[in-house]
Amino acid sequence: MTSDAVTEKVLTLLADATGTARDRLHPGASRADTPGWDSLGSLGFIALVEEEFHVSILTEEAMEIRSVKDMERLLLGKAAGG
């Protein structure tokens, strides 16, 4: 999966988890500027990502996710065996 495809899928999952309209989200979106991306939104977002990408996100990794780019880097790293 390409980086762009991962970003698009992550944005769609974030929209689902936070209730934010997909067209209001962008690749640079962060917790600070995304309505609904609070602690509960984060849990839902991580659960959706784990299910969609068939990965497990450790608590330590989850604590570092503050933006769409953070999630993208984590997923691409896992895909590369990291």
C-alpha atoms as a PDB file:
ATOM      1  CA  MET A   1       0.000   0.000   0.000  1.00  0.00           C
ATOM      2  CA  THR A   2       1.368   3.413  -0.919  1.00  0.00           C
ATOM      3  CA  SER A   3       1.872   6.234   1.542  1.00  0.00           C
ATOM      4  CA  ASP A   4      -0.956   8.203  -0.109  1.00  0.00           C
ATOM      5  CA  ALA A   5      -3.316   5.238   0.159  1.00  0.00           C
ATOM      6  CA  VAL A   6      -2.444   4.798   3.844  1.00  0.00           C
ATOM      7  CA  THR A   7      -3.061   8.504   4.471  1.00  0.00           C
ATOM      8  CA  GLU A   8      -6.448   8.432   2.752  1.00  0.00           C
ATOM      9  CA  LYS A   9      -7.551   5.347   4.674  1.00  0.00           C
ATOM     10  CA  VAL A  10      -6.313   6.824   7.976  1.00  0.00           C
ATOM     11  CA  LEU A  11      -8.226  10.046   7.302  1.00  0.00           C
ATOM     12  CA  THR A  12     -11.420   8.104   6.614  1.00  0.00           C
ATOM     13  CA  LEU A  13     -10.992   6.087   9.817  1.00  0.00           C
ATOM     14  CA  LEU A  14     -10.291   9.254  11.806  1.00  0.00           C
ATOM     15  CA  ALA A  15     -13.473  10.818  10.436  1.00  0.00           C
ATOM     16  CA  ASP A  16     -15.433   7.735  11.493  1.00  0.00           C
ATOM     17  CA  ALA A  17     -13.897   7.684  14.982  1.00  0.00           C
ATOM     18  CA  THR A  18     -14.307  11.388  15.721  1.00  0.00           C
ATOM     19  CA  GLY A  19     -17.496  12.226  13.877  1.00  0.00           C
ATOM     20  CA  THR A  20     -15.625  14.930  11.972  1.00  0.00           C
ATOM     21  CA  ALA A  21     -16.591  15.348   8.329  1.00  0.00           C
ATOM     22  CA  ARG A  22     -13.951  13.745   6.097  1.00  0.00           C
ATOM     23  CA  ASP A  23     -13.683  16.907   3.991  1.00  0.00           C
ATOM     24  CA  ARG A  24     -12.582  18.850   7.097  1.00  0.00           C
ATOM     25  CA  LEU A  25      -9.594  16.552   7.641  1.00  0.00           C
ATOM     26  CA  HIS A  26      -6.226  16.768   5.891  1.00  0.00           C
ATOM     27  CA  PRO A  27      -2.898  14.905   6.044  1.00  0.00           C
ATOM     28  CA  GLY A  28      -1.537  17.445   8.542  1.00  0.00           C
ATOM     29  CA  ALA A  29      -4.475  17.036  10.943  1.00  0.00           C
ATOM     30  CA  SER A  30      -3.602  16.681  14.602  1.00  0.00           C
ATOM     31  CA  ARG A  31      -5.379  16.104  17.895  1.00  0.00           C
ATOM     32  CA  ALA A  32      -5.128  19.818  18.607  1.00  0.00           C
ATOM     33  CA  ASP A  33      -7.117  20.873  15.525  1.00  0.00           C
ATOM     34  CA  THR A  34      -9.527  17.964  15.015  1.00  0.00           C
ATOM     35  CA  PRO A  35     -12.915  18.126  16.757  1.00  0.00           C
ATOM     36  CA  GLY A  36     -13.696  14.890  18.567  1.00  0.00           C
ATOM     37  CA  TRP A  37     -10.103  13.658  18.644  1.00  0.00           C
ATOM     38  CA  ASP A  38      -9.986  13.454  22.406  1.00  0.00           C
ATOM     39  CA  SER A  39      -9.048  10.455  24.555  1.00  0.00           C
ATOM     40  CA  LEU A  40     -12.229   8.572  23.656  1.00  0.00           C
ATOM     41  CA  GLY A  41     -11.845   9.468  19.974  1.00  0.00           C
ATOM     42  CA  SER A  42      -8.261   8.202  20.103  1.00  0.00           C
ATOM     43  CA  LEU A  43      -9.361   4.831  21.444  1.00  0.00           C
ATOM     44  CA  GLY A  44     -11.930   4.436  18.691  1.00  0.00           C
ATOM     45  CA  PHE A  45      -9.464   5.601  16.043  1.00  0.00           C
ATOM     46  CA  ILE A  46      -6.816   3.131  17.164  1.00  0.00           C
ATOM     47  CA  ALA A  47      -9.328   0.275  17.271  1.00  0.00           C
ATOM     48  CA  LEU A  48     -10.488   1.048  13.719  1.00  0.00           C
ATOM     49  CA  VAL A  49      -6.894   1.279  12.468  1.00  0.00           C
ATOM     50  CA  GLU A  50      -5.948  -2.026  14.109  1.00  0.00           C
ATOM     51  CA  GLU A  51      -8.927  -3.743  12.502  1.00  0.00           C
ATOM     52  CA  GLU A  52      -8.482  -2.211   9.050  1.00  0.00           C
ATOM     53  CA  PHE A  53      -4.717  -2.703   8.800  1.00  0.00           C
ATOM     54  CA  HIS A  54      -4.540  -5.976  10.773  1.00  0.00           C
ATOM     55  CA  VAL A  55      -1.949  -4.624  13.209  1.00  0.00           C
ATOM     56  CA  SER A  56      -1.590  -4.311  16.955  1.00  0.00           C
ATOM     57  CA  ILE A  57      -0.707  -0.912  18.347  1.00  0.00           C
ATOM     58  CA  LEU A  58       1.073  -1.034  21.679  1.00  0.00           C
ATOM     59  CA  THR A  59       0.156   1.387  24.451  1.00  0.00           C
ATOM     60  CA  GLU A  60       3.571   3.049  24.127  1.00  0.00           C
ATOM     61  CA  GLU A  61       2.992   3.541  20.400  1.00  0.00           C
ATOM     62  CA  ALA A  62      -0.537   4.852  20.936  1.00  0.00           C
ATOM     63  CA  MET A  63       0.745   7.486  23.355  1.00  0.00           C
ATOM     64  CA  GLU A  64       2.920   8.935  20.573  1.00  0.00           C
ATOM     65  CA  ILE A  65       0.097   9.342  18.024  1.00  0.00           C
ATOM     66  CA  ARG A  66      -0.738  13.030  17.911  1.00  0.00           C
ATOM     67  CA  SER A  67      -1.331  13.492  14.191  1.00  0.00           C
ATOM     68  CA  VAL A  68      -2.321  11.727  11.003  1.00  0.00           C
ATOM     69  CA  LYS A  69       1.357  11.734  10.001  1.00  0.00           C
ATOM     70  CA  ASP A  70       2.280   9.985  13.273  1.00  0.00           C
ATOM     71  CA  MET A  71      -0.225   7.216  12.506  1.00  0.00           C
ATOM     72  CA  GLU A  72       0.972   6.968   8.915  1.00  0.00           C
ATOM     73  CA  ARG A  73       4.615   6.611  10.018  1.00  0.00           C
ATOM     74  CA  LEU A  74       3.669   3.948  12.542  1.00  0.00           C
ATOM     75  CA  LEU A  75       1.709   1.933   9.992  1.00  0.00           C
ATOM     76  CA  LEU A  76       4.361   2.188   7.293  1.00  0.00           C
ATOM     77  CA  GLY A  77       6.989   1.161   9.837  1.00  0.00           C
ATOM     78  CA  LYS A  78       4.951  -1.886  10.813  1.00  0.00           C
ATOM     79  CA  ALA A  79       4.454  -2.785   7.139  1.00  0.00           C
ATOM     80  CA  ALA A  80       8.224  -2.605   6.673  1.00  0.00           C
ATOM     81  CA  GLY A  81       8.720  -4.968   9.581  1.00  0.00           C
ATOM     82  CA  GLY A  82       9.521  -2.322  12.172  1.00  0.00           C
END
